[in-house]
Amino acid sequence: MRRRATVVLSVLLAACGPGEPAGESGTAPAPGPATGSAYALPAGAPDRFSFGAEASDARVALWDIDVKPDGEGLPAGSGTVPEGAAVYAANCVVCHGATGTEGPYDVLVGPAEWEEWPDAPRTVGGYWPYATTLFDYIRRAMPQLTPGTLTADETYAVVAYILNLNGIVGDDAVMDPETLPAVAMPARDRFVADDRQGGPEVR
């Protein structure tokens, strides 16, 4: 199977590069023992193809958006609970329900203790240990069909709203790079540091 895939790839690469045509019949070039592959590239084909672009600092910055538990990586901006309600209604309600409890996809709201699992869903209020993780996840993956389209302000706002629905922050809460990491999540102390060692003595 691997040999067949290599042959197909070699043929495709030969077809992509400039050079002599494969022939009037459209058949692939004859095997070329000098190349070490099943099919030789046409005469004059380049060693590499000119597509793609170098990963500049600016391009890397577009993807380097992770947010750590202590808030490192959070962008400038802010959002309120009422603003988040509007963002939620426009982008989230169809998947998570009007109050975050209905679904049909992940239930976001609920304080269920771990002892009630697996029957109770792992909600933001009952499971997530860091509020900053909520921002990070929404920023990367939500809304489901158009991830990355929410602005920083909209993301802060919808995070504030979801935290408010879970009873974690008040109606007047404002989330920003300073206030969000300071939110005390109910499940924070339910997690412990993984201090296991590798090898046969894993604790």
N, C-alpha and C. Protein backbone atom coordinates (compact mmCIF):
# COMPACT_ATOMS: atom_id res chain seq x y z
N MET A 1 0.84 -1.20 0.00
CA MET A 1 0.00 0.00 0.00
C MET A 1 0.87 1.24 0.00
N ARG A 2 1.97 1.21 0.80
CA ARG A 2 2.84 2.37 0.87
C ARG A 2 3.52 2.62 -0.46
N ARG A 3 3.95 1.52 -1.16
CA ARG A 3 4.61 1.69 -2.45
C ARG A 3 3.66 2.31 -3.46
N ARG A 4 2.40 1.87 -3.41
CA ARG A 4 1.42 2.41 -4.35
C ARG A 4 1.21 3.90 -4.10
N ALA A 5 1.13 4.31 -2.81
CA ALA A 5 0.96 5.71 -2.49
C ALA A 5 2.14 6.54 -2.95
N THR A 6 3.36 5.97 -2.83
CA THR A 6 4.56 6.68 -3.27
C THR A 6 4.55 6.88 -4.77
N VAL A 7 4.11 5.84 -5.49
CA VAL A 7 4.03 5.94 -6.95
C VAL A 7 3.06 7.03 -7.36
N VAL A 8 1.87 7.04 -6.73
CA VAL A 8 0.86 8.05 -7.06
C VAL A 8 1.38 9.45 -6.77
N LEU A 9 2.03 9.63 -5.61
CA LEU A 9 2.56 10.94 -5.26
C LEU A 9 3.61 11.39 -6.25
N SER A 10 4.48 10.47 -6.66
CA SER A 10 5.52 10.83 -7.62
C SER A 10 4.92 11.28 -8.94
N VAL A 11 3.86 10.60 -9.36
CA VAL A 11 3.20 10.99 -10.61
C VAL A 11 2.58 12.37 -10.49
N LEU A 12 1.95 12.65 -9.34
CA LEU A 12 1.32 13.95 -9.13
C LEU A 12 2.36 15.07 -9.12
N LEU A 13 3.48 14.82 -8.45
CA LEU A 13 4.53 15.84 -8.40
C LEU A 13 5.10 16.09 -9.79
N ALA A 14 5.25 15.03 -10.55
CA ALA A 14 5.76 15.20 -11.92
C ALA A 14 4.80 16.03 -12.75
N ALA A 15 3.51 15.83 -12.53
CA ALA A 15 2.51 16.57 -13.29
C ALA A 15 2.46 18.03 -12.89
N CYS A 16 2.83 18.35 -11.64
CA CYS A 16 2.72 19.72 -11.15
C CYS A 16 3.84 20.61 -11.65
N GLY A 17 4.99 20.06 -11.90
CA GLY A 17 6.15 20.89 -12.21
C GLY A 17 6.24 21.19 -13.69
N PRO A 18 6.94 22.31 -14.02
CA PRO A 18 7.14 22.63 -15.44
C PRO A 18 8.15 21.67 -16.03
N GLY A 19 8.09 21.45 -17.30
CA GLY A 19 9.04 20.55 -17.94
C GLY A 19 8.40 19.92 -19.15
N GLU A 20 8.98 18.82 -19.60
CA GLU A 20 8.47 18.17 -20.79
C GLU A 20 7.17 17.44 -20.47
N PRO A 21 6.25 17.41 -21.40
CA PRO A 21 4.98 16.72 -21.16
C PRO A 21 5.19 15.23 -20.99
N ALA A 22 4.22 14.58 -20.38
CA ALA A 22 4.34 13.15 -20.14
C ALA A 22 4.27 12.35 -21.42
N GLY A 23 3.71 12.90 -22.43
CA GLY A 23 3.59 12.18 -23.70
C GLY A 23 2.20 12.35 -24.26
N GLU A 24 2.06 12.05 -25.54
CA GLU A 24 0.78 12.25 -26.18
C GLU A 24 -0.31 11.39 -25.56
N SER A 25 0.07 10.22 -25.06
CA SER A 25 -0.94 9.33 -24.50
C SER A 25 -1.32 9.72 -23.08
N GLY A 26 -0.55 10.65 -22.48
CA GLY A 26 -0.84 11.06 -21.13
C GLY A 26 -0.29 10.12 -20.08
N THR A 27 0.53 9.14 -20.50
CA THR A 27 1.09 8.19 -19.55
C THR A 27 2.22 8.81 -18.78
N ALA A 28 2.53 8.25 -17.62
CA ALA A 28 3.59 8.78 -16.77
C ALA A 28 4.94 8.46 -17.35
N PRO A 29 5.97 9.23 -17.03
CA PRO A 29 7.32 8.94 -17.50
C PRO A 29 7.76 7.56 -17.03
N ALA A 30 8.70 7.00 -17.74
CA ALA A 30 9.21 5.67 -17.38
C ALA A 30 9.95 5.74 -16.06
N PRO A 31 10.03 4.60 -15.36
CA PRO A 31 10.77 4.57 -14.09
C PRO A 31 12.19 5.05 -14.27
N GLY A 32 12.68 5.80 -13.29
CA GLY A 32 14.02 6.34 -13.36
C GLY A 32 14.89 5.86 -12.22
N PRO A 33 15.69 4.86 -12.43
CA PRO A 33 16.50 4.32 -11.35
C PRO A 33 17.44 5.34 -10.74
N ALA A 34 17.81 6.37 -11.51
CA ALA A 34 18.75 7.35 -10.97
C ALA A 34 18.12 8.19 -9.86
N THR A 35 16.81 8.31 -9.90
CA THR A 35 16.13 9.14 -8.90
C THR A 35 15.80 8.37 -7.64
N GLY A 36 15.83 7.04 -7.73
CA GLY A 36 15.49 6.24 -6.57
C GLY A 36 14.00 6.16 -6.32
N SER A 37 13.18 6.70 -7.21
CA SER A 37 11.73 6.65 -7.07
C SER A 37 11.15 5.84 -8.20
N ALA A 38 9.87 5.52 -8.10
CA ALA A 38 9.24 4.67 -9.10
C ALA A 38 9.14 5.39 -10.44
N TYR A 39 8.95 6.72 -10.40
CA TYR A 39 8.82 7.48 -11.62
C TYR A 39 9.73 8.69 -11.57
N ALA A 40 10.42 8.94 -12.68
CA ALA A 40 11.33 10.08 -12.75
C ALA A 40 10.57 11.35 -13.07
N LEU A 41 11.04 12.48 -12.51
CA LEU A 41 10.47 13.76 -12.88
C LEU A 41 10.86 14.08 -14.31
N PRO A 42 10.02 14.82 -15.00
CA PRO A 42 10.36 15.20 -16.38
C PRO A 42 11.65 16.02 -16.42
N ALA A 43 12.33 15.96 -17.52
CA ALA A 43 13.55 16.75 -17.68
C ALA A 43 13.23 18.23 -17.51
N GLY A 44 14.06 18.92 -16.75
CA GLY A 44 13.85 20.34 -16.53
C GLY A 44 12.96 20.68 -15.37
N ALA A 45 12.41 19.67 -14.68
CA ALA A 45 11.55 19.94 -13.53
C ALA A 45 12.39 20.50 -12.38
N PRO A 46 11.87 21.45 -11.61
CA PRO A 46 12.64 22.04 -10.52
C PRO A 46 12.79 21.07 -9.35
N ASP A 47 13.79 21.30 -8.53
CA ASP A 47 13.99 20.48 -7.34
C ASP A 47 12.92 20.75 -6.30
N ARG A 48 12.39 21.95 -6.29
CA ARG A 48 11.33 22.30 -5.36
C ARG A 48 10.35 23.24 -6.04
N PHE A 49 9.15 23.29 -5.53
CA PHE A 49 8.11 24.09 -6.16
C PHE A 49 7.92 25.40 -5.41
N SER A 50 7.61 26.44 -6.13
CA SER A 50 7.53 27.79 -5.55
C SER A 50 6.12 28.11 -5.09
N PHE A 51 5.72 27.49 -3.99
CA PHE A 51 4.44 27.87 -3.38
C PHE A 51 4.62 27.92 -1.88
N GLY A 52 3.69 28.59 -1.21
CA GLY A 52 3.83 28.80 0.23
C GLY A 52 4.61 30.08 0.50
N ALA A 53 4.75 30.39 1.77
CA ALA A 53 5.47 31.60 2.17
C ALA A 53 6.18 31.35 3.49
N GLU A 54 7.24 32.09 3.70
CA GLU A 54 7.99 31.95 4.93
C GLU A 54 7.14 32.39 6.13
N ALA A 55 7.28 31.67 7.23
CA ALA A 55 6.52 32.00 8.44
C ALA A 55 7.16 33.20 9.13
N SER A 56 6.72 34.38 8.75
CA SER A 56 7.24 35.61 9.33
C SER A 56 6.72 35.77 10.75
N ASP A 57 7.31 36.68 11.49
CA ASP A 57 6.85 36.94 12.86
C ASP A 57 5.38 37.36 12.88
N ALA A 58 4.99 38.15 11.87
CA ALA A 58 3.60 38.61 11.81
C ALA A 58 2.64 37.45 11.57
N ARG A 59 3.03 36.51 10.71
CA ARG A 59 2.18 35.36 10.43
C ARG A 59 2.08 34.44 11.63
N VAL A 60 3.21 34.25 12.31
CA VAL A 60 3.21 33.40 13.50
C VAL A 60 2.32 34.01 14.58
N ALA A 61 2.35 35.34 14.70
CA ALA A 61 1.56 36.03 15.72
C ALA A 61 0.06 35.79 15.53
N LEU A 62 -0.37 35.59 14.29
CA LEU A 62 -1.79 35.34 14.02
C LEU A 62 -2.26 34.03 14.65
N TRP A 63 -1.34 33.08 14.81
CA TRP A 63 -1.69 31.77 15.36
C TRP A 63 -1.27 31.63 16.82
N ASP A 64 -0.36 32.45 17.27
CA ASP A 64 0.15 32.34 18.64
C ASP A 64 -0.79 33.09 19.58
N ILE A 65 -1.95 32.50 19.85
CA ILE A 65 -2.99 33.20 20.61
C ILE A 65 -3.39 32.44 21.87
N ASP A 66 -2.59 31.49 22.30
CA ASP A 66 -2.97 30.72 23.48
C ASP A 66 -2.96 31.60 24.73
N VAL A 67 -3.86 31.29 25.65
CA VAL A 67 -3.99 32.03 26.89
C VAL A 67 -3.71 31.07 28.05
N LYS A 68 -2.83 31.45 28.94
CA LYS A 68 -2.46 30.60 30.07
C LYS A 68 -3.41 30.84 31.25
N PRO A 69 -3.43 29.92 32.21
CA PRO A 69 -4.34 30.06 33.36
C PRO A 69 -4.19 31.38 34.10
N ASP A 70 -2.95 31.92 34.16
CA ASP A 70 -2.75 33.17 34.89
C ASP A 70 -3.10 34.41 34.07
N GLY A 71 -3.59 34.21 32.86
CA GLY A 71 -4.00 35.32 32.02
C GLY A 71 -2.96 35.76 31.00
N GLU A 72 -1.77 35.20 31.06
CA GLU A 72 -0.76 35.56 30.06
C GLU A 72 -1.28 35.22 28.68
N GLY A 73 -1.20 36.16 27.77
CA GLY A 73 -1.69 35.97 26.41
C GLY A 73 -3.04 36.60 26.15
N LEU A 74 -3.72 37.07 27.20
CA LEU A 74 -5.00 37.73 26.97
C LEU A 74 -4.79 39.04 26.21
N PRO A 75 -5.62 39.31 25.22
CA PRO A 75 -5.48 40.55 24.45
C PRO A 75 -6.15 41.72 25.17
N ALA A 76 -5.85 42.91 24.70
CA ALA A 76 -6.52 44.10 25.22
C ALA A 76 -8.00 44.03 24.85
N GLY A 77 -8.83 44.61 25.70
CA GLY A 77 -10.26 44.63 25.44
C GLY A 77 -11.05 44.42 26.71
N SER A 78 -12.37 44.46 26.61
CA SER A 78 -13.23 44.25 27.76
C SER A 78 -14.65 43.96 27.28
N GLY A 79 -15.45 43.40 28.17
CA GLY A 79 -16.83 43.12 27.82
C GLY A 79 -17.68 42.98 29.07
N THR A 80 -18.93 43.37 28.97
CA THR A 80 -19.86 43.32 30.10
C THR A 80 -20.86 42.18 29.93
N VAL A 81 -21.59 41.89 30.99
CA VAL A 81 -22.61 40.85 30.95
C VAL A 81 -23.72 41.18 29.94
N PRO A 82 -24.30 42.38 29.96
CA PRO A 82 -25.34 42.69 28.96
C PRO A 82 -24.82 42.59 27.53
N GLU A 83 -23.60 43.05 27.29
CA GLU A 83 -23.03 42.93 25.95
C GLU A 83 -22.88 41.46 25.57
N GLY A 84 -22.49 40.65 26.55
CA GLY A 84 -22.33 39.22 26.29
C GLY A 84 -23.64 38.53 25.99
N ALA A 85 -24.72 39.00 26.59
CA ALA A 85 -26.04 38.41 26.31
C ALA A 85 -26.39 38.57 24.83
N ALA A 86 -26.05 39.73 24.27
CA ALA A 86 -26.33 39.97 22.85
C ALA A 86 -25.45 39.09 21.96
N VAL A 87 -24.18 38.97 22.33
CA VAL A 87 -23.27 38.11 21.56
C VAL A 87 -23.74 36.66 21.62
N TYR A 88 -24.14 36.23 22.80
CA TYR A 88 -24.62 34.86 22.99
C TYR A 88 -25.86 34.59 22.14
N ALA A 89 -26.80 35.52 22.16
CA ALA A 89 -28.03 35.34 21.40
C ALA A 89 -27.77 35.24 19.91
N ALA A 90 -26.77 35.95 19.43
CA ALA A 90 -26.48 35.98 18.00
C ALA A 90 -25.62 34.80 17.54
N ASN A 91 -24.82 34.24 18.45
CA ASN A 91 -23.82 33.27 18.01
C ASN A 91 -23.85 31.91 18.71
N CYS A 92 -24.47 31.83 19.88
CA CYS A 92 -24.32 30.63 20.70
C CYS A 92 -25.61 29.88 20.99
N VAL A 93 -26.72 30.59 20.98
CA VAL A 93 -27.98 30.02 21.46
C VAL A 93 -28.43 28.81 20.65
N VAL A 94 -28.13 28.78 19.36
CA VAL A 94 -28.61 27.68 18.52
C VAL A 94 -27.99 26.35 18.92
N CYS A 95 -26.78 26.38 19.48
CA CYS A 95 -26.11 25.15 19.88
C CYS A 95 -26.22 24.85 21.37
N HIS A 96 -26.28 25.90 22.20
CA HIS A 96 -26.21 25.70 23.65
C HIS A 96 -27.51 26.03 24.38
N GLY A 97 -28.49 26.52 23.66
CA GLY A 97 -29.78 26.79 24.29
C GLY A 97 -29.89 28.19 24.84
N ALA A 98 -31.11 28.63 25.07
CA ALA A 98 -31.38 30.00 25.49
C ALA A 98 -30.74 30.35 26.83
N THR A 99 -30.64 29.37 27.72
CA THR A 99 -30.06 29.64 29.04
C THR A 99 -28.78 28.85 29.28
N GLY A 100 -28.27 28.22 28.25
CA GLY A 100 -27.04 27.44 28.38
C GLY A 100 -27.25 26.08 29.00
N THR A 101 -28.50 25.70 29.23
CA THR A 101 -28.80 24.42 29.87
C THR A 101 -29.49 23.43 28.94
N GLU A 102 -29.96 23.92 27.78
CA GLU A 102 -30.80 23.09 26.93
C GLU A 102 -30.03 22.28 25.88
N GLY A 103 -28.86 22.75 25.47
CA GLY A 103 -28.20 22.10 24.35
C GLY A 103 -28.82 22.56 23.03
N PRO A 104 -28.73 21.78 21.95
CA PRO A 104 -28.48 20.35 21.92
C PRO A 104 -27.02 19.93 22.11
N TYR A 105 -26.08 20.86 21.97
CA TYR A 105 -24.69 20.51 22.18
C TYR A 105 -24.30 20.80 23.62
N ASP A 106 -23.02 20.95 23.90
CA ASP A 106 -22.55 21.01 25.28
C ASP A 106 -23.37 21.96 26.15
N VAL A 107 -23.75 21.46 27.31
CA VAL A 107 -24.44 22.28 28.31
C VAL A 107 -23.39 23.13 29.01
N LEU A 108 -23.63 24.43 29.09
CA LEU A 108 -22.64 25.36 29.64
C LEU A 108 -22.90 25.73 31.09
N VAL A 109 -24.14 25.61 31.51
CA VAL A 109 -24.54 26.15 32.81
C VAL A 109 -24.97 25.04 33.75
N GLY A 110 -24.46 25.09 34.98
CA GLY A 110 -24.84 24.12 35.99
C GLY A 110 -23.73 23.92 37.00
N PRO A 111 -24.06 23.79 38.27
CA PRO A 111 -23.04 23.68 39.31
C PRO A 111 -22.79 22.25 39.78
N ALA A 112 -23.22 21.26 38.99
CA ALA A 112 -23.16 19.87 39.46
C ALA A 112 -21.78 19.48 39.97
N GLU A 113 -21.76 18.84 41.14
CA GLU A 113 -20.51 18.36 41.71
C GLU A 113 -20.01 17.14 40.94
N TRP A 114 -18.71 16.87 41.06
CA TRP A 114 -18.14 15.73 40.36
C TRP A 114 -18.81 14.43 40.76
N GLU A 115 -19.27 14.34 42.00
CA GLU A 115 -19.86 13.10 42.48
C GLU A 115 -21.11 12.73 41.70
N GLU A 116 -21.69 13.69 41.00
CA GLU A 116 -22.91 13.45 40.25
C GLU A 116 -22.64 12.98 38.83
N TRP A 117 -21.37 12.95 38.43
CA TRP A 117 -21.05 12.46 37.10
C TRP A 117 -21.15 10.95 37.12
N PRO A 118 -21.32 10.27 35.97
CA PRO A 118 -21.36 10.84 34.62
C PRO A 118 -22.73 11.34 34.20
N ASP A 119 -23.71 11.24 35.08
CA ASP A 119 -25.05 11.66 34.69
C ASP A 119 -25.16 13.17 34.48
N ALA A 120 -24.42 13.94 35.28
CA ALA A 120 -24.46 15.39 35.15
C ALA A 120 -23.41 15.84 34.14
N PRO A 121 -23.73 16.84 33.31
CA PRO A 121 -22.76 17.32 32.31
C PRO A 121 -21.62 18.10 32.95
N ARG A 122 -20.50 18.15 32.28
CA ARG A 122 -19.34 18.90 32.76
C ARG A 122 -19.47 20.35 32.31
N THR A 123 -20.13 21.13 33.09
CA THR A 123 -20.42 22.52 32.72
C THR A 123 -19.29 23.45 33.12
N VAL A 124 -19.39 24.70 32.66
CA VAL A 124 -18.42 25.72 33.04
C VAL A 124 -18.42 25.91 34.55
N GLY A 125 -19.60 25.96 35.14
CA GLY A 125 -19.69 26.20 36.57
C GLY A 125 -19.28 25.02 37.41
N GLY A 126 -19.44 23.79 36.90
CA GLY A 126 -19.16 22.63 37.70
C GLY A 126 -17.86 21.93 37.38
N TYR A 127 -17.17 22.35 36.32
CA TYR A 127 -15.98 21.61 35.89
C TYR A 127 -14.76 22.47 35.59
N TRP A 128 -14.95 23.54 34.83
CA TRP A 128 -13.79 24.30 34.34
C TRP A 128 -13.04 24.94 35.51
N PRO A 129 -11.73 24.72 35.63
CA PRO A 129 -10.98 25.27 36.77
C PRO A 129 -10.51 26.70 36.58
N TYR A 130 -10.40 27.16 35.33
CA TYR A 130 -9.89 28.51 35.07
C TYR A 130 -10.83 29.27 34.13
N ALA A 131 -11.15 30.48 34.48
CA ALA A 131 -12.00 31.30 33.61
C ALA A 131 -11.27 31.68 32.33
N THR A 132 -9.95 31.79 32.41
CA THR A 132 -9.17 32.15 31.23
C THR A 132 -9.24 31.07 30.15
N THR A 133 -9.45 29.81 30.57
CA THR A 133 -9.58 28.73 29.60
C THR A 133 -10.83 28.92 28.75
N LEU A 134 -11.87 29.46 29.34
CA LEU A 134 -13.10 29.73 28.60
C LEU A 134 -12.84 30.74 27.49
N PHE A 135 -12.10 31.80 27.82
CA PHE A 135 -11.75 32.78 26.80
C PHE A 135 -10.94 32.13 25.70
N ASP A 136 -9.91 31.35 26.08
CA ASP A 136 -9.02 30.73 25.11
C ASP A 136 -9.80 29.82 24.16
N TYR A 137 -10.70 29.02 24.71
CA TYR A 137 -11.44 28.07 23.88
C TYR A 137 -12.40 28.78 22.94
N ILE A 138 -13.13 29.75 23.46
CA ILE A 138 -14.08 30.47 22.61
C ILE A 138 -13.35 31.20 21.50
N ARG A 139 -12.24 31.81 21.84
CA ARG A 139 -11.47 32.56 20.85
C ARG A 139 -10.98 31.66 19.72
N ARG A 140 -10.59 30.44 20.05
CA ARG A 140 -10.05 29.53 19.05
C ARG A 140 -11.12 28.78 18.25
N ALA A 141 -12.17 28.34 18.93
CA ALA A 141 -13.05 27.34 18.33
C ALA A 141 -14.50 27.73 18.16
N MET A 142 -14.91 28.88 18.64
CA MET A 142 -16.31 29.27 18.57
C MET A 142 -16.47 30.59 17.82
N PRO A 143 -17.64 30.81 17.21
CA PRO A 143 -18.75 29.89 17.00
C PRO A 143 -18.32 28.69 16.14
N GLN A 144 -19.04 27.60 16.25
CA GLN A 144 -18.60 26.36 15.64
C GLN A 144 -18.36 26.50 14.14
N LEU A 145 -19.24 27.17 13.44
CA LEU A 145 -19.12 27.26 11.99
C LEU A 145 -18.24 28.41 11.52
N THR A 146 -17.96 29.36 12.41
CA THR A 146 -17.14 30.51 12.02
C THR A 146 -16.15 30.86 13.14
N PRO A 147 -15.30 29.92 13.54
CA PRO A 147 -14.38 30.20 14.65
C PRO A 147 -13.41 31.33 14.30
N GLY A 148 -13.08 32.11 15.31
CA GLY A 148 -12.14 33.21 15.11
C GLY A 148 -12.77 34.50 14.63
N THR A 149 -14.10 34.52 14.51
CA THR A 149 -14.74 35.73 14.00
C THR A 149 -15.13 36.71 15.10
N LEU A 150 -15.17 36.27 16.34
CA LEU A 150 -15.50 37.18 17.43
C LEU A 150 -14.32 38.08 17.75
N THR A 151 -14.58 39.34 18.01
CA THR A 151 -13.53 40.26 18.42
C THR A 151 -13.14 39.96 19.86
N ALA A 152 -12.06 40.57 20.31
CA ALA A 152 -11.64 40.39 21.70
C ALA A 152 -12.72 40.90 22.65
N ASP A 153 -13.31 42.06 22.33
CA ASP A 153 -14.36 42.61 23.18
C ASP A 153 -15.57 41.68 23.23
N GLU A 154 -15.96 41.13 22.09
CA GLU A 154 -17.10 40.21 22.06
C GLU A 154 -16.80 38.94 22.86
N THR A 155 -15.57 38.47 22.78
CA THR A 155 -15.20 37.27 23.52
C THR A 155 -15.21 37.53 25.02
N TYR A 156 -14.65 38.65 25.44
CA TYR A 156 -14.71 39.01 26.87
C TYR A 156 -16.17 39.11 27.32
N ALA A 157 -17.01 39.70 26.48
CA ALA A 157 -18.41 39.90 26.84
C ALA A 157 -19.15 38.57 27.00
N VAL A 158 -18.99 37.66 26.05
CA VAL A 158 -19.72 36.40 26.13
C VAL A 158 -19.18 35.54 27.27
N VAL A 159 -17.89 35.65 27.58
CA VAL A 159 -17.33 34.97 28.74
C VAL A 159 -17.99 35.51 30.01
N ALA A 160 -18.11 36.83 30.10
CA ALA A 160 -18.77 37.44 31.26
C ALA A 160 -20.20 36.92 31.40
N TYR A 161 -20.89 36.81 30.27
CA TYR A 161 -22.29 36.36 30.30
C TYR A 161 -22.39 34.90 30.75
N ILE A 162 -21.53 34.04 30.22
CA ILE A 162 -21.56 32.63 30.60
C ILE A 162 -21.20 32.45 32.08
N LEU A 163 -20.23 33.20 32.55
CA LEU A 163 -19.88 33.15 33.97
C LEU A 163 -21.04 33.64 34.83
N ASN A 164 -21.74 34.65 34.33
CA ASN A 164 -22.89 35.18 35.05
C ASN A 164 -24.03 34.16 35.11
N LEU A 165 -24.28 33.48 34.00
CA LEU A 165 -25.31 32.45 33.98
C LEU A 165 -25.02 31.34 34.99
N ASN A 166 -23.74 31.10 35.24
CA ASN A 166 -23.34 30.08 36.20
C ASN A 166 -23.28 30.60 37.64
N GLY A 167 -23.63 31.90 37.82
CA GLY A 167 -23.62 32.47 39.15
C GLY A 167 -22.24 32.74 39.71
N ILE A 168 -21.25 32.85 38.83
CA ILE A 168 -19.88 33.04 39.27
C ILE A 168 -19.50 34.51 39.36
N VAL A 169 -20.07 35.35 38.49
CA VAL A 169 -19.84 36.79 38.55
C VAL A 169 -21.20 37.49 38.55
N GLY A 170 -21.22 38.73 39.02
CA GLY A 170 -22.45 39.49 39.12
C GLY A 170 -22.92 40.07 37.81
N ASP A 171 -24.09 40.66 37.84
CA ASP A 171 -24.68 41.26 36.64
C ASP A 171 -23.87 42.45 36.15
N ASP A 172 -23.12 43.09 37.05
CA ASP A 172 -22.35 44.27 36.68
C ASP A 172 -20.88 43.94 36.38
N ALA A 173 -20.56 42.67 36.23
CA ALA A 173 -19.17 42.26 36.01
C ALA A 173 -18.65 42.76 34.66
N VAL A 174 -17.39 43.13 34.66
CA VAL A 174 -16.69 43.52 33.43
C VAL A 174 -15.46 42.63 33.33
N MET A 175 -15.32 41.90 32.24
CA MET A 175 -14.18 41.03 32.05
C MET A 175 -13.15 41.71 31.14
N ASP A 176 -11.90 41.65 31.58
CA ASP A 176 -10.79 42.23 30.82
C ASP A 176 -9.53 41.48 31.23
N PRO A 177 -8.34 41.86 30.73
CA PRO A 177 -7.13 41.11 31.06
C PRO A 177 -6.78 41.06 32.54
N GLU A 178 -7.32 41.98 33.33
CA GLU A 178 -7.04 41.98 34.77
C GLU A 178 -8.10 41.23 35.57
N THR A 179 -9.36 41.45 35.23
CA THR A 179 -10.44 40.85 36.04
C THR A 179 -10.68 39.38 35.71
N LEU A 180 -10.48 38.97 34.47
CA LEU A 180 -10.77 37.59 34.10
C LEU A 180 -9.89 36.58 34.85
N PRO A 181 -8.57 36.77 34.91
CA PRO A 181 -7.75 35.79 35.64
C PRO A 181 -8.05 35.75 37.14
N ALA A 182 -8.66 36.81 37.65
CA ALA A 182 -8.95 36.88 39.08
C ALA A 182 -10.24 36.17 39.46
N VAL A 183 -11.01 35.71 38.49
CA VAL A 183 -12.26 35.03 38.78
C VAL A 183 -11.96 33.70 39.47
N ALA A 184 -12.62 33.46 40.61
CA ALA A 184 -12.44 32.21 41.36
C ALA A 184 -13.46 31.19 40.87
N MET A 185 -13.01 30.20 40.13
CA MET A 185 -13.91 29.19 39.59
C MET A 185 -14.23 28.14 40.66
N PRO A 186 -15.48 27.70 40.74
CA PRO A 186 -15.88 26.74 41.77
C PRO A 186 -15.10 25.44 41.74
N ALA A 187 -14.68 25.01 40.56
CA ALA A 187 -13.99 23.72 40.44
C ALA A 187 -12.48 23.83 40.55
N ARG A 188 -11.97 25.02 40.86
CA ARG A 188 -10.52 25.22 40.86
C ARG A 188 -9.78 24.22 41.75
N ASP A 189 -10.28 23.97 42.95
CA ASP A 189 -9.58 23.10 43.88
C ASP A 189 -9.88 21.62 43.68
N ARG A 190 -10.66 21.31 42.68
CA ARG A 190 -10.94 19.91 42.40
C ARG A 190 -9.88 19.27 41.52
N PHE A 191 -8.95 20.09 41.04
CA PHE A 191 -7.86 19.59 40.21
C PHE A 191 -6.57 19.61 41.02
N VAL A 192 -5.70 18.64 40.77
CA VAL A 192 -4.40 18.59 41.44
C VAL A 192 -3.31 18.54 40.39
N ALA A 193 -2.14 19.00 40.76
CA ALA A 193 -1.02 18.99 39.84
C ALA A 193 -0.62 17.54 39.53
N ASP A 194 -0.32 17.27 38.27
CA ASP A 194 0.13 15.93 37.86
C ASP A 194 1.63 15.83 38.13
N ASP A 195 1.99 15.17 39.23
CA ASP A 195 3.40 15.05 39.60
C ASP A 195 3.94 13.64 39.36
N ARG A 196 3.25 12.88 38.51
CA ARG A 196 3.70 11.51 38.24
C ARG A 196 5.02 11.51 37.51
N GLN A 197 5.83 10.48 37.78
CA GLN A 197 7.10 10.31 37.14
C GLN A 197 6.96 9.25 36.04
N GLY A 198 7.75 9.36 34.98
CA GLY A 198 7.70 8.38 33.91
C GLY A 198 8.33 7.06 34.29
N GLY A 199 8.21 6.09 33.39
CA GLY A 199 8.83 4.78 33.64
C GLY A 199 7.96 3.87 34.48
N PRO A 200 8.59 2.84 35.06
CA PRO A 200 7.81 1.82 35.79
C PRO A 200 7.25 2.29 37.12
N GLU A 201 7.67 3.47 37.60
CA GLU A 201 7.25 3.93 38.91
C GLU A 201 6.24 5.06 38.83
N VAL A 202 5.35 4.98 37.85
CA VAL A 202 4.32 6.01 37.73
C VAL A 202 3.41 5.95 38.93
N ARG A 203 3.24 7.09 39.60
CA ARG A 203 2.43 7.14 40.80
C ARG A 203 0.97 7.43 40.44
